[in-house]
Amino acid sequence: MADTTSIKLSDDLKERLGKVAQRVEQTPHAYMVQAISEKVDRDERRQSFWDEGRKALEEYKRTGIAYRHEDVMRYMMEKLAGKKPRKPKPIRVQKTRR
């Protein structure tokens, strides 16, 4: 069983919530639970995206291994066109340029 949490809504927001929830055939409670769940999911995915980006940057700074933009774009465009392109070859960037 879930714990109870109270939330204070302005009268205006409470009225708007009631109207929208009714239009989508949900109770205001169900509507709020779904909205909060969607927001938490989105923010967790966004945070994961940033965390993965930070890890990739750290790995790049440590190793200097990268891919040329042109090679990656060619690969992606050919892949989207249904072809079986060669994977881009990694390059090593000098420490002074990282």
PDB file of N, CA and C in Angstrom:
ATOM      1  N   MET A   1       0.843  -1.182   0.000  1.00  0.00           N
ATOM      2  CA  MET A   1       0.000   0.000   0.000  1.00  0.00           C
ATOM      3  C   MET A   1       0.880   1.234   0.000  1.00  0.00           C
ATOM      4  N   ALA A   2       0.530   2.204  -0.796  1.00  0.00           N
ATOM      5  CA  ALA A   2       1.299   3.442  -0.919  1.00  0.00           C
ATOM      6  C   ALA A   2       1.010   4.365   0.259  1.00  0.00           C
ATOM      7  N   ASP A   3       2.001   5.147   0.621  1.00  0.00           N
ATOM      8  CA  ASP A   3       1.815   6.156   1.660  1.00  0.00           C
ATOM      9  C   ASP A   3       0.980   7.302   1.113  1.00  0.00           C
ATOM     10  N   THR A   4       0.301   7.982   2.018  1.00  0.00           N
ATOM     11  CA  THR A   4      -0.493   9.146   1.635  1.00  0.00           C
ATOM     12  C   THR A   4       0.393  10.377   1.650  1.00  0.00           C
ATOM     13  N   THR A   5       0.262  11.196   0.634  1.00  0.00           N
ATOM     14  CA  THR A   5       0.976  12.461   0.540  1.00  0.00           C
ATOM     15  C   THR A   5      -0.038  13.542   0.238  1.00  0.00           C
ATOM     16  N   SER A   6       0.056  14.663   0.945  1.00  0.00           N
ATOM     17  CA  SER A   6      -0.857  15.741   0.588  1.00  0.00           C
ATOM     18  C   SER A   6      -0.157  16.745  -0.296  1.00  0.00           C
ATOM     19  N   ILE A   7      -0.963  17.384  -1.086  1.00  0.00           N
ATOM     20  CA  ILE A   7      -0.447  18.383  -2.008  1.00  0.00           C
ATOM     21  C   ILE A   7      -1.414  19.560  -2.001  1.00  0.00           C
ATOM     22  N   LYS A   8      -0.854  20.738  -1.890  1.00  0.00           N
ATOM     23  CA  LYS A   8      -1.696  21.940  -1.864  1.00  0.00           C
ATOM     24  C   LYS A   8      -1.739  22.521  -3.267  1.00  0.00           C
ATOM     25  N   LEU A   9      -2.954  22.671  -3.776  1.00  0.00           N
ATOM     26  CA  LEU A   9      -3.164  23.233  -5.104  1.00  0.00           C
ATOM     27  C   LEU A   9      -3.948  24.527  -4.971  1.00  0.00           C
ATOM     28  N   SER A  10      -3.623  25.472  -5.829  1.00  0.00           N
ATOM     29  CA  SER A  10      -4.435  26.692  -5.849  1.00  0.00           C
ATOM     30  C   SER A  10      -5.841  26.319  -6.319  1.00  0.00           C
ATOM     31  N   ASP A  11      -6.793  27.143  -5.980  1.00  0.00           N
ATOM     32  CA  ASP A  11      -8.171  26.869  -6.401  1.00  0.00           C
ATOM     33  C   ASP A  11      -8.266  26.775  -7.920  1.00  0.00           C
ATOM     34  N   ASP A  12      -7.549  27.668  -8.601  1.00  0.00           N
ATOM     35  CA  ASP A  12      -7.571  27.678 -10.065  1.00  0.00           C
ATOM     36  C   ASP A  12      -7.030  26.367 -10.632  1.00  0.00           C
ATOM     37  N   LEU A  13      -5.880  25.933 -10.111  1.00  0.00           N
ATOM     38  CA  LEU A  13      -5.281  24.692 -10.613  1.00  0.00           C
ATOM     39  C   LEU A  13      -6.166  23.496 -10.293  1.00  0.00           C
ATOM     40  N   LYS A  14      -6.741  23.486  -9.113  1.00  0.00           N
ATOM     41  CA  LYS A  14      -7.623  22.385  -8.724  1.00  0.00           C
ATOM     42  C   LYS A  14      -8.826  22.297  -9.664  1.00  0.00           C
ATOM     43  N   GLU A  15      -9.379  23.446 -10.029  1.00  0.00           N
ATOM     44  CA  GLU A  15     -10.520  23.476 -10.953  1.00  0.00           C
ATOM     45  C   GLU A  15     -10.102  22.989 -12.336  1.00  0.00           C
ATOM     46  N   ARG A  16      -8.966  23.475 -12.818  1.00  0.00           N
ATOM     47  CA  ARG A  16      -8.463  23.046 -14.129  1.00  0.00           C
ATOM     48  C   ARG A  16      -8.181  21.549 -14.140  1.00  0.00           C
ATOM     49  N   LEU A  17      -7.576  21.063 -13.071  1.00  0.00           N
ATOM     50  CA  LEU A  17      -7.285  19.642 -12.942  1.00  0.00           C
ATOM     51  C   LEU A  17      -8.557  18.814 -13.021  1.00  0.00           C
ATOM     52  N   GLY A  18      -9.573  19.239 -12.313  1.00  0.00           N
ATOM     53  CA  GLY A  18     -10.834  18.512 -12.324  1.00  0.00           C
ATOM     54  C   GLY A  18     -11.440  18.436 -13.714  1.00  0.00           C
ATOM     55  N   LYS A  19     -11.402  19.551 -14.427  1.00  0.00           N
ATOM     56  CA  LYS A  19     -11.973  19.595 -15.778  1.00  0.00           C
ATOM     57  C   LYS A  19     -11.203  18.685 -16.740  1.00  0.00           C
ATOM     58  N   VAL A  20      -9.883  18.782 -16.706  1.00  0.00           N
ATOM     59  CA  VAL A  20      -9.064  17.976 -17.621  1.00  0.00           C
ATOM     60  C   VAL A  20      -9.196  16.494 -17.286  1.00  0.00           C
ATOM     61  N   ALA A  21      -9.138  16.162 -16.019  1.00  0.00           N
ATOM     62  CA  ALA A  21      -9.261  14.763 -15.614  1.00  0.00           C
ATOM     63  C   ALA A  21     -10.598  14.187 -16.074  1.00  0.00           C
ATOM     64  N   GLN A  22     -11.643  14.967 -15.941  1.00  0.00           N
ATOM     65  CA  GLN A  22     -12.971  14.502 -16.369  1.00  0.00           C
ATOM     66  C   GLN A  22     -12.994  14.262 -17.875  1.00  0.00           C
ATOM     67  N   ARG A  23     -12.368  15.161 -18.633  1.00  0.00           N
ATOM     68  CA  ARG A  23     -12.346  15.016 -20.098  1.00  0.00           C
ATOM     69  C   ARG A  23     -11.596  13.773 -20.551  1.00  0.00           C
ATOM     70  N   VAL A  24     -10.593  13.374 -19.795  1.00  0.00           N
ATOM     71  CA  VAL A  24      -9.834  12.177 -20.174  1.00  0.00           C
ATOM     72  C   VAL A  24     -10.310  10.953 -19.389  1.00  0.00           C
ATOM     73  N   GLU A  25     -11.454  11.116 -18.759  1.00  0.00           N
ATOM     74  CA  GLU A  25     -12.117  10.029 -18.028  1.00  0.00           C
ATOM     75  C   GLU A  25     -11.234   9.405 -16.954  1.00  0.00           C
ATOM     76  N   GLN A  26     -10.636  10.278 -16.147  1.00  0.00           N
ATOM     77  CA  GLN A  26      -9.846   9.838 -15.003  1.00  0.00           C
ATOM     78  C   GLN A  26     -10.303  10.632 -13.784  1.00  0.00           C
ATOM     79  N   THR A  27     -10.020  10.075 -12.623  1.00  0.00           N
ATOM     80  CA  THR A  27     -10.244  10.861 -11.411  1.00  0.00           C
ATOM     81  C   THR A  27      -9.103  11.868 -11.313  1.00  0.00           C
ATOM     82  N   PRO A  28      -9.317  12.967 -10.606  1.00  0.00           N
ATOM     83  CA  PRO A  28      -8.204  13.904 -10.411  1.00  0.00           C
ATOM     84  C   PRO A  28      -6.991  13.219  -9.762  1.00  0.00           C
ATOM     85  N   HIS A  29      -7.243  12.319  -8.830  1.00  0.00           N
ATOM     86  CA  HIS A  29      -6.147  11.590  -8.175  1.00  0.00           C
ATOM     87  C   HIS A  29      -5.349  10.775  -9.194  1.00  0.00           C
ATOM     88  N   ALA A  30      -6.045   9.982 -10.008  1.00  0.00           N
ATOM     89  CA  ALA A  30      -5.363   9.153 -11.006  1.00  0.00           C
ATOM     90  C   ALA A  30      -4.584  10.027 -11.994  1.00  0.00           C
ATOM     91  N   TYR A  31      -5.179  11.149 -12.364  1.00  0.00           N
ATOM     92  CA  TYR A  31      -4.526  12.069 -13.294  1.00  0.00           C
ATOM     93  C   TYR A  31      -3.227  12.606 -12.686  1.00  0.00           C
ATOM     94  N   MET A  32      -3.284  13.015 -11.416  1.00  0.00           N
ATOM     95  CA  MET A  32      -2.087  13.552 -10.758  1.00  0.00           C
ATOM     96  C   MET A  32      -1.015  12.480 -10.610  1.00  0.00           C
ATOM     97  N   VAL A  33      -1.408  11.264 -10.229  1.00  0.00           N
ATOM     98  CA  VAL A  33      -0.436  10.180 -10.080  1.00  0.00           C
ATOM     99  C   VAL A  33       0.257   9.907 -11.415  1.00  0.00           C
ATOM    100  N   GLN A  34      -0.531   9.855 -12.494  1.00  0.00           N
ATOM    101  CA  GLN A  34       0.050   9.607 -13.806  1.00  0.00           C
ATOM    102  C   GLN A  34       0.979  10.754 -14.214  1.00  0.00           C
ATOM    103  N   ALA A  35       0.556  11.991 -13.982  1.00  0.00           N
ATOM    104  CA  ALA A  35       1.382  13.148 -14.354  1.00  0.00           C
ATOM    105  C   ALA A  35       2.694  13.154 -13.589  1.00  0.00           C
ATOM    106  N   ILE A  36       2.636  12.866 -12.292  1.00  0.00           N
ATOM    107  CA  ILE A  36       3.860  12.839 -11.494  1.00  0.00           C
ATOM    108  C   ILE A  36       4.765  11.706 -11.955  1.00  0.00           C
ATOM    109  N   SER A  37       4.187  10.552 -12.223  1.00  0.00           N
ATOM    110  CA  SER A  37       4.968   9.405 -12.693  1.00  0.00           C
ATOM    111  C   SER A  37       5.669   9.726 -14.010  1.00  0.00           C
ATOM    112  N   GLU A  38       4.964  10.348 -14.945  1.00  0.00           N
ATOM    113  CA  GLU A  38       5.560  10.710 -16.231  1.00  0.00           C
ATOM    114  C   GLU A  38       6.691  11.714 -16.047  1.00  0.00           C
ATOM    115  N   LYS A  39       6.519  12.674 -15.154  1.00  0.00           N
ATOM    116  CA  LYS A  39       7.554  13.686 -14.905  1.00  0.00           C
ATOM    117  C   LYS A  39       8.791  13.035 -14.289  1.00  0.00           C
ATOM    118  N   VAL A  40       8.589  12.156 -13.318  1.00  0.00           N
ATOM    119  CA  VAL A  40       9.721  11.460 -12.686  1.00  0.00           C
ATOM    120  C   VAL A  40      10.454  10.607 -13.718  1.00  0.00           C
ATOM    121  N   ASP A  41       9.709   9.861 -14.541  1.00  0.00           N
ATOM    122  CA  ASP A  41      10.336   9.047 -15.591  1.00  0.00           C
ATOM    123  C   ASP A  41      11.170   9.904 -16.532  1.00  0.00           C
ATOM    124  N   ARG A  42      10.607  11.027 -16.972  1.00  0.00           N
ATOM    125  CA  ARG A  42      11.309  11.909 -17.907  1.00  0.00           C
ATOM    126  C   ARG A  42      12.579  12.466 -17.276  1.00  0.00           C
ATOM    127  N   ASP A  43      12.477  12.911 -16.017  1.00  0.00           N
ATOM    128  CA  ASP A  43      13.648  13.482 -15.370  1.00  0.00           C
ATOM    129  C   ASP A  43      14.714  12.425 -15.078  1.00  0.00           C
ATOM    130  N   GLU A  44      14.299  11.195 -14.775  1.00  0.00           N
ATOM    131  CA  GLU A  44      15.274  10.111 -14.594  1.00  0.00           C
ATOM    132  C   GLU A  44      15.998   9.818 -15.902  1.00  0.00           C
ATOM    133  N   ARG A  45      15.258   9.787 -17.013  1.00  0.00           N
ATOM    134  CA  ARG A  45      15.900   9.550 -18.317  1.00  0.00           C
ATOM    135  C   ARG A  45      16.849  10.688 -18.667  1.00  0.00           C
ATOM    136  N   ARG A  46      16.437  11.921 -18.390  1.00  0.00           N
ATOM    137  CA  ARG A  46      17.296  13.077 -18.673  1.00  0.00           C
ATOM    138  C   ARG A  46      18.574  12.992 -17.847  1.00  0.00           C
ATOM    139  N   GLN A  47      18.448  12.657 -16.560  1.00  0.00           N
ATOM    140  CA  GLN A  47      19.617  12.553 -15.699  1.00  0.00           C
ATOM    141  C   GLN A  47      20.535  11.437 -16.177  1.00  0.00           C
ATOM    142  N   SER A  48      19.959  10.323 -16.591  1.00  0.00           N
ATOM    143  CA  SER A  48      20.754   9.216 -17.120  1.00  0.00           C
ATOM    144  C   SER A  48      21.510   9.644 -18.378  1.00  0.00           C
ATOM    145  N   PHE A  49      20.842  10.409 -19.244  1.00  0.00           N
ATOM    146  CA  PHE A  49      21.467  10.924 -20.461  1.00  0.00           C
ATOM    147  C   PHE A  49      22.689  11.777 -20.105  1.00  0.00           C
ATOM    148  N   TRP A  50      22.530  12.687 -19.137  1.00  0.00           N
ATOM    149  CA  TRP A  50      23.643  13.545 -18.722  1.00  0.00           C
ATOM    150  C   TRP A  50      24.757  12.721 -18.079  1.00  0.00           C
ATOM    151  N   ASP A  51      24.389  11.742 -17.247  1.00  0.00           N
ATOM    152  CA  ASP A  51      25.400  10.892 -16.614  1.00  0.00           C
ATOM    153  C   ASP A  51      26.208  10.129 -17.654  1.00  0.00           C
ATOM    154  N   GLU A  52      25.529   9.574 -18.656  1.00  0.00           N
ATOM    155  CA  GLU A  52      26.220   8.847 -19.720  1.00  0.00           C
ATOM    156  C   GLU A  52      27.132   9.780 -20.509  1.00  0.00           C
ATOM    157  N   GLY A  53      26.681  11.003 -20.737  1.00  0.00           N
ATOM    158  CA  GLY A  53      27.507  11.982 -21.442  1.00  0.00           C
ATOM    159  C   GLY A  53      28.763  12.323 -20.666  1.00  0.00           C
ATOM    160  N   ARG A  54      28.612  12.500 -19.350  1.00  0.00           N
ATOM    161  CA  ARG A  54      29.785  12.786 -18.512  1.00  0.00           C
ATOM    162  C   ARG A  54      30.769  11.615 -18.531  1.00  0.00           C
ATOM    163  N   LYS A  55      30.247  10.390 -18.460  1.00  0.00           N
ATOM    164  CA  LYS A  55      31.118   9.208 -18.507  1.00  0.00           C
ATOM    165  C   LYS A  55      31.863   9.144 -19.835  1.00  0.00           C
ATOM    166  N   ALA A  56      31.149   9.412 -20.925  1.00  0.00           N
ATOM    167  CA  ALA A  56      31.779   9.371 -22.250  1.00  0.00           C
ATOM    168  C   ALA A  56      32.872  10.434 -22.359  1.00  0.00           C
ATOM    169  N   LEU A  57      32.616  11.626 -21.827  1.00  0.00           N
ATOM    170  CA  LEU A  57      33.620  12.684 -21.876  1.00  0.00           C
ATOM    171  C   LEU A  57      34.848  12.301 -21.054  1.00  0.00           C
ATOM    172  N   GLU A  58      34.636  11.739 -19.884  1.00  0.00           N
ATOM    173  CA  GLU A  58      35.763  11.300 -19.054  1.00  0.00           C
ATOM    174  C   GLU A  58      36.581  10.237 -19.777  1.00  0.00           C
ATOM    175  N   GLU A  59      35.884   9.286 -20.418  1.00  0.00           N
ATOM    176  CA  GLU A  59      36.570   8.226 -21.164  1.00  0.00           C
ATOM    177  C   GLU A  59      37.379   8.824 -22.322  1.00  0.00           C
ATOM    178  N   TYR A  60      36.791   9.785 -23.025  1.00  0.00           N
ATOM    179  CA  TYR A  60      37.490  10.444 -24.130  1.00  0.00           C
ATOM    180  C   TYR A  60      38.727  11.170 -23.616  1.00  0.00           C
ATOM    181  N   LYS A  61      38.571  11.903 -22.522  1.00  0.00           N
ATOM    182  CA  LYS A  61      39.717  12.642 -21.982  1.00  0.00           C
ATOM    183  C   LYS A  61      40.823  11.688 -21.523  1.00  0.00           C
ATOM    184  N   ARG A  62      40.427  10.538 -21.009  1.00  0.00           N
ATOM    185  CA  ARG A  62      41.402   9.559 -20.535  1.00  0.00           C
ATOM    186  C   ARG A  62      42.111   8.867 -21.693  1.00  0.00           C
ATOM    187  N   THR A  63      41.361   8.467 -22.715  1.00  0.00           N
ATOM    188  CA  THR A  63      41.937   7.649 -23.793  1.00  0.00           C
ATOM    189  C   THR A  63      42.270   8.432 -25.059  1.00  0.00           C
ATOM    190  N   GLY A  64      41.524   9.503 -25.309  1.00  0.00           N
ATOM    191  CA  GLY A  64      41.712  10.252 -26.546  1.00  0.00           C
ATOM    192  C   GLY A  64      41.086   9.595 -27.758  1.00  0.00           C
ATOM    193  N   ILE A  65      40.316   8.523 -27.542  1.00  0.00           N
ATOM    194  CA  ILE A  65      39.692   7.815 -28.665  1.00  0.00           C
ATOM    195  C   ILE A  65      38.384   8.506 -29.035  1.00  0.00           C
ATOM    196  N   ALA A  66      38.246   8.807 -30.329  1.00  0.00           N
ATOM    197  CA  ALA A  66      37.060   9.503 -30.827  1.00  0.00           C
ATOM    198  C   ALA A  66      36.778   9.027 -32.248  1.00  0.00           C
ATOM    199  N   TYR A  67      35.738   9.581 -32.843  1.00  0.00           N
ATOM    200  CA  TYR A  67      35.366   9.267 -34.222  1.00  0.00           C
ATOM    201  C   TYR A  67      35.180  10.577 -34.973  1.00  0.00           C
ATOM    202  N   ARG A  68      35.594  10.595 -36.226  1.00  0.00           N
ATOM    203  CA  ARG A  68      35.414  11.786 -37.055  1.00  0.00           C
ATOM    204  C   ARG A  68      33.924  11.976 -37.334  1.00  0.00           C
ATOM    205  N   HIS A  69      33.481  13.203 -37.217  1.00  0.00           N
ATOM    206  CA  HIS A  69      32.072  13.542 -37.438  1.00  0.00           C
ATOM    207  C   HIS A  69      31.599  13.079 -38.809  1.00  0.00           C
ATOM    208  N   GLU A  70      32.402  13.326 -39.817  1.00  0.00           N
ATOM    209  CA  GLU A  70      32.031  12.956 -41.185  1.00  0.00           C
ATOM    210  C   GLU A  70      31.820  11.449 -41.313  1.00  0.00           C
ATOM    211  N   ASP A  71      32.689  10.676 -40.655  1.00  0.00           N
ATOM    212  CA  ASP A  71      32.575   9.217 -40.720  1.00  0.00           C
ATOM    213  C   ASP A  71      31.304   8.724 -40.032  1.00  0.00           C
ATOM    214  N   VAL A  72      30.993   9.318 -38.892  1.00  0.00           N
ATOM    215  CA  VAL A  72      29.789   8.922 -38.151  1.00  0.00           C
ATOM    216  C   VAL A  72      28.536   9.298 -38.943  1.00  0.00           C
ATOM    217  N   MET A  73      28.515  10.488 -39.518  1.00  0.00           N
ATOM    218  CA  MET A  73      27.345  10.925 -40.293  1.00  0.00           C
ATOM    219  C   MET A  73      27.154  10.047 -41.532  1.00  0.00           C
ATOM    220  N   ARG A  74      28.245   9.719 -42.212  1.00  0.00           N
ATOM    221  CA  ARG A  74      28.152   8.822 -43.369  1.00  0.00           C
ATOM    222  C   ARG A  74      27.560   7.493 -42.947  1.00  0.00           C
ATOM    223  N   TYR A  75      28.086   6.937 -41.849  1.00  0.00           N
ATOM    224  CA  TYR A  75      27.613   5.651 -41.346  1.00  0.00           C
ATOM    225  C   TYR A  75      26.109   5.715 -41.040  1.00  0.00           C
ATOM    226  N   MET A  76      25.693   6.755 -40.340  1.00  0.00           N
ATOM    227  CA  MET A  76      24.284   6.876 -39.957  1.00  0.00           C
ATOM    228  C   MET A  76      23.376   7.044 -41.179  1.00  0.00           C
ATOM    229  N   MET A  77      23.793   7.859 -42.129  1.00  0.00           N
ATOM    230  CA  MET A  77      22.967   8.085 -43.317  1.00  0.00           C
ATOM    231  C   MET A  77      22.823   6.807 -44.143  1.00  0.00           C
ATOM    232  N   GLU A  78      23.909   6.069 -44.285  1.00  0.00           N
ATOM    233  CA  GLU A  78      23.848   4.809 -45.025  1.00  0.00           C
ATOM    234  C   GLU A  78      22.992   3.787 -44.283  1.00  0.00           C
ATOM    235  N   LYS A  79      23.113   3.754 -42.975  1.00  0.00           N
ATOM    236  CA  LYS A  79      22.314   2.839 -42.161  1.00  0.00           C
ATOM    237  C   LYS A  79      20.824   3.175 -42.304  1.00  0.00           C
ATOM    238  N   LEU A  80      20.498   4.465 -42.253  1.00  0.00           N
ATOM    239  CA  LEU A  80      19.106   4.901 -42.422  1.00  0.00           C
ATOM    240  C   LEU A  80      18.564   4.565 -43.810  1.00  0.00           C
ATOM    241  N   ALA A  81      19.449   4.529 -44.794  1.00  0.00           N
ATOM    242  CA  ALA A  81      19.046   4.213 -46.164  1.00  0.00           C
ATOM    243  C   ALA A  81      18.903   2.704 -46.378  1.00  0.00           C
ATOM    244  N   GLY A  82      19.123   1.920 -45.310  1.00  0.00           N
ATOM    245  CA  GLY A  82      18.959   0.479 -45.420  1.00  0.00           C
ATOM    246  C   GLY A  82      20.195  -0.257 -45.896  1.00  0.00           C
ATOM    247  N   LYS A  83      21.306   0.447 -45.991  1.00  0.00           N
ATOM    248  CA  LYS A  83      22.555  -0.190 -46.421  1.00  0.00           C
ATOM    249  C   LYS A  83      23.265  -0.804 -45.224  1.00  0.00           C
ATOM    250  N   LYS A  84      24.327  -1.541 -45.502  1.00  0.00           N
ATOM    251  CA  LYS A  84      25.153  -2.128 -44.448  1.00  0.00           C
ATOM    252  C   LYS A  84      26.538  -1.475 -44.505  1.00  0.00           C
ATOM    253  N   PRO A  85      26.662  -0.287 -43.944  1.00  0.00           N
ATOM    254  CA  PRO A  85      27.931   0.441 -44.051  1.00  0.00           C
ATOM    255  C   PRO A  85      29.015  -0.105 -43.127  1.00  0.00           C
ATOM    256  N   ARG A  86      30.259   0.224 -43.471  1.00  0.00           N
ATOM    257  CA  ARG A  86      31.379  -0.084 -42.585  1.00  0.00           C
ATOM    258  C   ARG A  86      31.268   0.818 -41.366  1.00  0.00           C
ATOM    259  N   LYS A  87      31.606   0.278 -40.207  1.00  0.00           N
ATOM    260  CA  LYS A  87      31.595   1.097 -38.999  1.00  0.00           C
ATOM    261  C   LYS A  87      32.738   2.101 -39.067  1.00  0.00           C
ATOM    262  N   PRO A  88      32.535   3.291 -38.523  1.00  0.00           N
ATOM    263  CA  PRO A  88      33.626   4.283 -38.520  1.00  0.00           C
ATOM    264  C   PRO A  88      34.826   3.766 -37.731  1.00  0.00           C
ATOM    265  N   LYS A  89      36.008   4.150 -38.186  1.00  0.00           N
ATOM    266  CA  LYS A  89      37.223   3.757 -37.484  1.00  0.00           C
ATOM    267  C   LYS A  89      37.543   4.808 -36.424  1.00  0.00           C
ATOM    268  N   PRO A  90      37.916   4.354 -35.236  1.00  0.00           N
ATOM    269  CA  PRO A  90      38.278   5.320 -34.193  1.00  0.00           C
ATOM    270  C   PRO A  90      39.597   6.001 -34.514  1.00  0.00           C
ATOM    271  N   ILE A  91      39.739   7.207 -34.004  1.00  0.00           N
ATOM    272  CA  ILE A  91      40.989   7.948 -34.133  1.00  0.00           C
ATOM    273  C   ILE A  91      41.451   8.307 -32.723  1.00  0.00           C
ATOM    274  N   ARG A  92      42.721   8.604 -32.589  1.00  0.00           N
ATOM    275  CA  ARG A  92      43.241   9.024 -31.287  1.00  0.00           C
ATOM    276  C   ARG A  92      43.615  10.503 -31.377  1.00  0.00           C
ATOM    277  N   VAL A  93      43.056  11.290 -30.462  1.00  0.00           N
ATOM    278  CA  VAL A  93      43.319  12.729 -30.421  1.00  0.00           C
ATOM    279  C   VAL A  93      44.474  12.974 -29.457  1.00  0.00           C
ATOM    280  N   GLN A  94      45.390  13.855 -29.871  1.00  0.00           N
ATOM    281  CA  GLN A  94      46.539  14.161 -29.021  1.00  0.00           C
ATOM    282  C   GLN A  94      46.067  14.755 -27.700  1.00  0.00           C
ATOM    283  N   LYS A  95      46.813  14.476 -26.627  1.00  0.00           N
ATOM    284  CA  LYS A  95      46.449  14.957 -25.302  1.00  0.00           C
ATOM    285  C   LYS A  95      46.282  16.477 -25.260  1.00  0.00           C
ATOM    286  N   THR A  96      47.096  17.175 -26.000  1.00  0.00           N
ATOM    287  CA  THR A  96      47.037  18.641 -25.967  1.00  0.00           C
ATOM    288  C   THR A  96      45.758  19.181 -26.605  1.00  0.00           C
ATOM    289  N   ARG A  97      45.034  18.359 -27.373  1.00  0.00           N
ATOM    290  CA  ARG A  97      43.817  18.817 -28.064  1.00  0.00           C
ATOM    291  C   ARG A  97      42.542  18.323 -27.397  1.00  0.00           C
ATOM    292  N   ARG A  98      42.652  17.574 -26.287  1.00  0.00           N
ATOM    293  CA  ARG A  98      41.478  17.004 -25.627  1.00  0.00           C
ATOM    294  C   ARG A  98      40.818  17.967 -24.706  1.00  0.00           C
TER     295      ARG A  98
END
